[in-house]
Amino acid sequence: MSRGSAPHEVRIIGGQWKRSKLPVADKPGLRPTPDRVRETLFNWLGQDLTGWRCLDAFAGSGTLGFEAASRGATEVLMLECDPQLVQALRASALRLKAQGLRVEQADALSWMKRETRTGFDLVFIDPPFDAGLFEPALAASRGTLSEGGLVYLESPTAWTGEQLAPLGFHLLRQSRAGAVHFHLLQLGPR
């Protein structure tokens, strides 16, 4: 979903890289998570993510993954299938001297389905809105999460607890900013 003229850069809003700029490529479906939404999300999570392991499954511009790393996450893995975006993410990580942040060129859904290790504390799921990936991505993310792990889900519609329960998640928080609905979910018992 395109919002007309997308910004060509966004700023990290918190942590050690606060006010640092990230480039935003002009690509169909690429919509960086708005500042207001990121602010709310990190108020929900807490500003200090020291020791957390995070997966940014559909990295795009990388705003969510860089925000987590900026706030002290020990490991942030960004998955992105577009080679141009992967190159931009790697350049930003190099410029910021981001320790513990890794960028892999991969299809997020395929990667999560074949990943056998668990242990991510937080998975960001913010795929292109028109790709029909929400339910498959939520299902695939289960295998990557630690016990009681969290998922941030950004979508064009609100998800209810009743929709999420069969996928193994509890809805902790949700809100809306314009056309964006965002949710914080927790993995239930396996």
C-alpha atoms as a PDB file:
ATOM      1  CA  MET A   1       0.000   0.000   0.000  1.00  0.00           C
ATOM      2  CA  SER A   2       1.525   3.275  -1.029  1.00  0.00           C
ATOM      3  CA  ARG A   3       0.770   6.497   0.765  1.00  0.00           C
ATOM      4  CA  GLY A   4       1.287   8.793  -2.176  1.00  0.00           C
ATOM      5  CA  SER A   5       4.640  10.482  -1.774  1.00  0.00           C
ATOM      6  CA  ALA A   6       6.630   8.389   0.674  1.00  0.00           C
ATOM      7  CA  PRO A   7       9.436  10.122   2.562  1.00  0.00           C
ATOM      8  CA  HIS A   8      12.911   9.536   1.156  1.00  0.00           C
ATOM      9  CA  GLU A   9      14.291   9.161   4.654  1.00  0.00           C
ATOM     10  CA  VAL A  10      13.085   8.523   8.190  1.00  0.00           C
ATOM     11  CA  ARG A  11      14.696   9.234  11.519  1.00  0.00           C
ATOM     12  CA  ILE A  12      15.355   6.778  14.312  1.00  0.00           C
ATOM     13  CA  ILE A  13      13.357   8.166  17.219  1.00  0.00           C
ATOM     14  CA  GLY A  14      15.057   6.645  20.269  1.00  0.00           C
ATOM     15  CA  GLY A  15      18.149   5.085  21.761  1.00  0.00           C
ATOM     16  CA  GLN A  16      21.814   5.556  20.872  1.00  0.00           C
ATOM     17  CA  TRP A  17      21.097   6.473  17.229  1.00  0.00           C
ATOM     18  CA  LYS A  18      18.255   8.877  17.965  1.00  0.00           C
ATOM     19  CA  ARG A  19      17.818  11.385  15.108  1.00  0.00           C
ATOM     20  CA  SER A  20      19.978   9.297  12.734  1.00  0.00           C
ATOM     21  CA  LYS A  21      18.490   9.138   9.254  1.00  0.00           C
ATOM     22  CA  LEU A  22      17.666   6.011   7.279  1.00  0.00           C
ATOM     23  CA  PRO A  23      17.108   6.152   3.518  1.00  0.00           C
ATOM     24  CA  VAL A  24      13.743   5.058   2.141  1.00  0.00           C
ATOM     25  CA  ALA A  25      13.751   3.752  -1.412  1.00  0.00           C
ATOM     26  CA  ASP A  26      10.861   4.572  -3.709  1.00  0.00           C
ATOM     27  CA  LYS A  27       9.477   1.030  -4.025  1.00  0.00           C
ATOM     28  CA  PRO A  28       5.895  -0.185  -4.427  1.00  0.00           C
ATOM     29  CA  GLY A  29       4.453  -1.339  -1.112  1.00  0.00           C
ATOM     30  CA  LEU A  30       7.292   0.102   0.983  1.00  0.00           C
ATOM     31  CA  ARG A  31       5.845   2.140   3.844  1.00  0.00           C
ATOM     32  CA  PRO A  32       8.102   2.841   6.795  1.00  0.00           C
ATOM     33  CA  THR A  33       6.386   2.550  10.147  1.00  0.00           C
ATOM     34  CA  PRO A  34       5.353   6.103  11.124  1.00  0.00           C
ATOM     35  CA  ASP A  35       7.116   7.877  14.010  1.00  0.00           C
ATOM     36  CA  ARG A  36       3.939   7.995  16.095  1.00  0.00           C
ATOM     37  CA  VAL A  37       3.441   4.237  15.733  1.00  0.00           C
ATOM     38  CA  ARG A  38       7.069   3.463  16.623  1.00  0.00           C
ATOM     39  CA  GLU A  39       6.839   5.744  19.645  1.00  0.00           C
ATOM     40  CA  THR A  40       3.749   3.903  20.896  1.00  0.00           C
ATOM     41  CA  LEU A  41       5.281   0.482  20.196  1.00  0.00           C
ATOM     42  CA  PHE A  42       8.446   1.221  22.167  1.00  0.00           C
ATOM     43  CA  ASN A  43       6.390   2.702  24.993  1.00  0.00           C
ATOM     44  CA  TRP A  44       4.579  -0.655  25.126  1.00  0.00           C
ATOM     45  CA  LEU A  45       7.826  -2.644  24.998  1.00  0.00           C
ATOM     46  CA  GLY A  46       9.893  -0.348  27.178  1.00  0.00           C
ATOM     47  CA  GLN A  47      12.679   1.831  25.870  1.00  0.00           C
ATOM     48  CA  ASP A  48      15.519  -0.505  26.906  1.00  0.00           C
ATOM     49  CA  LEU A  49      15.733  -3.762  24.938  1.00  0.00           C
ATOM     50  CA  THR A  50      19.120  -4.774  26.337  1.00  0.00           C
ATOM     51  CA  GLY A  51      19.617  -8.498  25.888  1.00  0.00           C
ATOM     52  CA  TRP A  52      16.694  -8.963  23.488  1.00  0.00           C
ATOM     53  CA  ARG A  53      16.961 -10.978  20.268  1.00  0.00           C
ATOM     54  CA  CYS A  54      14.797  -9.488  17.512  1.00  0.00           C
ATOM     55  CA  LEU A  55      13.793 -10.570  14.018  1.00  0.00           C
ATOM     56  CA  ASP A  56      12.662  -7.914  11.531  1.00  0.00           C
ATOM     57  CA  ALA A  57      10.964 -10.325   9.126  1.00  0.00           C
ATOM     58  CA  PHE A  58      10.043  -7.916   6.307  1.00  0.00           C
ATOM     59  CA  ALA A  59      12.708  -5.302   6.941  1.00  0.00           C
ATOM     60  CA  GLY A  60      12.061  -2.885   4.047  1.00  0.00           C
ATOM     61  CA  SER A  61      13.555   0.409   5.210  1.00  0.00           C
ATOM     62  CA  GLY A  62      14.702  -1.217   8.465  1.00  0.00           C
ATOM     63  CA  THR A  63      13.069   1.302  10.792  1.00  0.00           C
ATOM     64  CA  LEU A  64      11.793  -1.309  13.253  1.00  0.00           C
ATOM     65  CA  GLY A  65      15.013  -3.317  13.396  1.00  0.00           C
ATOM     66  CA  PHE A  66      17.213  -0.234  13.709  1.00  0.00           C
ATOM     67  CA  GLU A  67      14.955   1.141  16.471  1.00  0.00           C
ATOM     68  CA  ALA A  68      15.358  -2.142  18.395  1.00  0.00           C
ATOM     69  CA  ALA A  69      19.150  -2.163  17.906  1.00  0.00           C
ATOM     70  CA  SER A  70      19.328   1.515  18.880  1.00  0.00           C
ATOM     71  CA  ARG A  71      17.625   0.603  22.161  1.00  0.00           C
ATOM     72  CA  GLY A  72      20.187  -2.066  23.042  1.00  0.00           C
ATOM     73  CA  ALA A  73      18.896  -5.306  21.493  1.00  0.00           C
ATOM     74  CA  THR A  74      21.754  -7.814  21.581  1.00  0.00           C
ATOM     75  CA  GLU A  75      20.853  -9.334  18.219  1.00  0.00           C
ATOM     76  CA  VAL A  76      18.734  -7.990  15.379  1.00  0.00           C
ATOM     77  CA  LEU A  77      18.325 -10.042  12.235  1.00  0.00           C
ATOM     78  CA  MET A  78      16.763  -8.222   9.286  1.00  0.00           C
ATOM     79  CA  LEU A  79      15.305 -10.275   6.440  1.00  0.00           C
ATOM     80  CA  GLU A  80      14.638  -8.612   3.097  1.00  0.00           C
ATOM     81  CA  CYS A  81      14.221 -10.152  -0.365  1.00  0.00           C
ATOM     82  CA  ASP A  82      14.810  -7.022  -2.500  1.00  0.00           C
ATOM     83  CA  PRO A  83      18.557  -6.743  -3.344  1.00  0.00           C
ATOM     84  CA  GLN A  84      18.473  -2.932  -3.512  1.00  0.00           C
ATOM     85  CA  LEU A  85      16.898  -2.711  -0.048  1.00  0.00           C
ATOM     86  CA  VAL A  86      19.359  -5.264   1.339  1.00  0.00           C
ATOM     87  CA  GLN A  87      22.235  -3.118   0.062  1.00  0.00           C
ATOM     88  CA  ALA A  88      20.718   0.012   1.667  1.00  0.00           C
ATOM     89  CA  LEU A  89      20.173  -1.810   4.981  1.00  0.00           C
ATOM     90  CA  ARG A  90      23.763  -3.048   5.019  1.00  0.00           C
ATOM     91  CA  ALA A  91      25.066   0.436   4.205  1.00  0.00           C
ATOM     92  CA  SER A  92      23.029   1.937   7.084  1.00  0.00           C
ATOM     93  CA  ALA A  93      24.258  -0.749   9.490  1.00  0.00           C
ATOM     94  CA  LEU A  94      27.864  -0.042   8.456  1.00  0.00           C
ATOM     95  CA  ARG A  95      27.416   3.726   8.776  1.00  0.00           C
ATOM     96  CA  LEU A  96      25.922   3.352  12.275  1.00  0.00           C
ATOM     97  CA  LYS A  97      28.563   0.762  13.282  1.00  0.00           C
ATOM     98  CA  ALA A  98      25.663  -1.479  14.335  1.00  0.00           C
ATOM     99  CA  GLN A  99      27.083  -4.348  16.366  1.00  0.00           C
ATOM    100  CA  GLY A 100      24.815  -7.359  16.617  1.00  0.00           C
ATOM    101  CA  LEU A 101      22.740  -6.332  13.601  1.00  0.00           C
ATOM    102  CA  ARG A 102      22.743  -8.676  10.605  1.00  0.00           C
ATOM    103  CA  VAL A 103      21.010  -8.311   7.240  1.00  0.00           C
ATOM    104  CA  GLU A 104      20.160 -11.382   5.162  1.00  0.00           C
ATOM    105  CA  GLN A 105      18.723 -11.404   1.680  1.00  0.00           C
ATOM    106  CA  ALA A 106      15.889 -13.901   2.114  1.00  0.00           C
ATOM    107  CA  ASP A 107      12.200 -14.441   1.634  1.00  0.00           C
ATOM    108  CA  ALA A 108      10.958 -13.952   5.205  1.00  0.00           C
ATOM    109  CA  LEU A 109       8.168 -16.504   5.005  1.00  0.00           C
ATOM    110  CA  SER A 110      10.439 -19.249   3.623  1.00  0.00           C
ATOM    111  CA  TRP A 111      13.174 -18.394   6.120  1.00  0.00           C
ATOM    112  CA  MET A 112      10.817 -18.551   9.122  1.00  0.00           C
ATOM    113  CA  LYS A 113       9.275 -21.839   7.923  1.00  0.00           C
ATOM    114  CA  ARG A 114      12.649 -23.582   7.677  1.00  0.00           C
ATOM    115  CA  GLU A 115      14.225 -22.011  10.775  1.00  0.00           C
ATOM    116  CA  THR A 116      14.611 -24.691  13.421  1.00  0.00           C
ATOM    117  CA  ARG A 117      16.122 -22.701  16.266  1.00  0.00           C
ATOM    118  CA  THR A 118      13.907 -20.678  18.531  1.00  0.00           C
ATOM    119  CA  GLY A 119      14.854 -17.861  20.765  1.00  0.00           C
ATOM    120  CA  PHE A 120      13.758 -14.542  19.321  1.00  0.00           C
ATOM    121  CA  ASP A 121      12.150 -12.400  21.988  1.00  0.00           C
ATOM    122  CA  LEU A 122      10.424 -10.188  19.421  1.00  0.00           C
ATOM    123  CA  VAL A 123       9.468 -10.636  15.772  1.00  0.00           C
ATOM    124  CA  PHE A 124       8.385  -7.647  13.696  1.00  0.00           C
ATOM    125  CA  ILE A 125       5.803  -8.569  11.041  1.00  0.00           C
ATOM    126  CA  ASP A 126       5.076  -5.681   8.696  1.00  0.00           C
ATOM    127  CA  PRO A 127       4.778  -7.124   5.169  1.00  0.00           C
ATOM    128  CA  PRO A 128       3.437  -5.284   2.129  1.00  0.00           C
ATOM    129  CA  PHE A 129      -0.241  -4.794   2.912  1.00  0.00           C
ATOM    130  CA  ASP A 130      -1.498  -6.222  -0.384  1.00  0.00           C
ATOM    131  CA  ALA A 131       0.639  -9.396  -0.342  1.00  0.00           C
ATOM    132  CA  GLY A 132      -1.692 -11.599   1.747  1.00  0.00           C
ATOM    133  CA  LEU A 133       1.143 -12.599   4.093  1.00  0.00           C
ATOM    134  CA  PHE A 134      -0.278 -11.807   7.527  1.00  0.00           C
ATOM    135  CA  GLU A 135      -1.663 -15.197   8.545  1.00  0.00           C
ATOM    136  CA  PRO A 136       1.161 -17.268   6.964  1.00  0.00           C
ATOM    137  CA  ALA A 137       3.781 -14.990   8.558  1.00  0.00           C
ATOM    138  CA  LEU A 138       2.174 -15.235  11.994  1.00  0.00           C
ATOM    139  CA  ALA A 139       2.021 -19.029  11.719  1.00  0.00           C
ATOM    140  CA  ALA A 140       5.645 -19.245  10.533  1.00  0.00           C
ATOM    141  CA  SER A 141       6.898 -16.892  13.264  1.00  0.00           C
ATOM    142  CA  ARG A 142       5.843 -19.311  16.018  1.00  0.00           C
ATOM    143  CA  GLY A 143       8.863 -21.529  15.393  1.00  0.00           C
ATOM    144  CA  THR A 144      11.304 -18.640  15.713  1.00  0.00           C
ATOM    145  CA  LEU A 145      10.037 -17.281  19.031  1.00  0.00           C
ATOM    146  CA  SER A 146      11.204 -18.018  22.553  1.00  0.00           C
ATOM    147  CA  GLU A 147       8.596 -19.225  25.024  1.00  0.00           C
ATOM    148  CA  GLY A 148       6.191 -16.317  25.613  1.00  0.00           C
ATOM    149  CA  GLY A 149       7.865 -14.310  22.820  1.00  0.00           C
ATOM    150  CA  LEU A 150       6.280 -11.203  21.336  1.00  0.00           C
ATOM    151  CA  VAL A 151       5.174 -10.278  17.834  1.00  0.00           C
ATOM    152  CA  TYR A 152       4.586  -6.787  16.543  1.00  0.00           C
ATOM    153  CA  LEU A 153       2.023  -6.923  13.728  1.00  0.00           C
ATOM    154  CA  GLU A 154       1.264  -3.972  11.457  1.00  0.00           C
ATOM    155  CA  SER A 155      -1.683  -4.310   9.062  1.00  0.00           C
ATOM    156  CA  PRO A 156      -4.421  -2.401   7.224  1.00  0.00           C
ATOM    157  CA  THR A 157      -7.130  -3.943   9.444  1.00  0.00           C
ATOM    158  CA  ALA A 158      -7.509  -4.683  13.141  1.00  0.00           C
ATOM    159  CA  TRP A 159      -6.918  -8.263  14.272  1.00  0.00           C
ATOM    160  CA  THR A 160      -9.051  -9.601  17.120  1.00  0.00           C
ATOM    161  CA  GLY A 161      -8.161 -12.028  19.867  1.00  0.00           C
ATOM    162  CA  GLU A 162     -10.575 -14.508  18.270  1.00  0.00           C
ATOM    163  CA  GLN A 163      -8.650 -14.365  14.962  1.00  0.00           C
ATOM    164  CA  LEU A 164      -5.290 -14.706  16.698  1.00  0.00           C
ATOM    165  CA  ALA A 165      -6.095 -17.537  19.134  1.00  0.00           C
ATOM    166  CA  PRO A 166      -6.116 -20.325  16.489  1.00  0.00           C
ATOM    167  CA  LEU A 167      -2.668 -19.094  15.387  1.00  0.00           C
ATOM    168  CA  GLY A 168      -1.395 -19.451  18.966  1.00  0.00           C
ATOM    169  CA  PHE A 169      -1.247 -15.783  19.967  1.00  0.00           C
ATOM    170  CA  HIS A 170      -2.803 -13.589  22.635  1.00  0.00           C
ATOM    171  CA  LEU A 171      -3.542  -9.947  21.810  1.00  0.00           C
ATOM    172  CA  LEU A 172      -1.807  -7.751  24.395  1.00  0.00           C
ATOM    173  CA  ARG A 173      -2.243  -4.270  22.902  1.00  0.00           C
ATOM    174  CA  GLN A 174      -3.526  -2.690  19.729  1.00  0.00           C
ATOM    175  CA  SER A 175      -3.997   0.772  18.327  1.00  0.00           C
ATOM    176  CA  ARG A 176      -4.479   2.629  15.091  1.00  0.00           C
ATOM    177  CA  ALA A 177      -2.776   5.563  13.383  1.00  0.00           C
ATOM    178  CA  GLY A 178      -4.541   6.635  10.207  1.00  0.00           C
ATOM    179  CA  ALA A 179      -4.826   3.606   7.914  1.00  0.00           C
ATOM    180  CA  VAL A 180      -2.342   1.563   9.977  1.00  0.00           C
ATOM    181  CA  HIS A 181      -3.480  -0.871  12.661  1.00  0.00           C
ATOM    182  CA  PHE A 182      -0.744  -2.121  14.929  1.00  0.00           C
ATOM    183  CA  HIS A 183      -0.751  -4.902  17.479  1.00  0.00           C
ATOM    184  CA  LEU A 184       1.447  -6.423  20.153  1.00  0.00           C
ATOM    185  CA  LEU A 185       0.922 -10.168  20.450  1.00  0.00           C
ATOM    186  CA  GLN A 186       2.316 -12.817  22.772  1.00  0.00           C
ATOM    187  CA  LEU A 187       2.930 -16.437  21.887  1.00  0.00           C
ATOM    188  CA  GLY A 188       0.807 -18.784  23.969  1.00  0.00           C
ATOM    189  CA  PRO A 189       1.911 -22.187  25.264  1.00  0.00           C
ATOM    190  CA  ARG A 190       3.110 -24.510  22.502  1.00  0.00           C
END
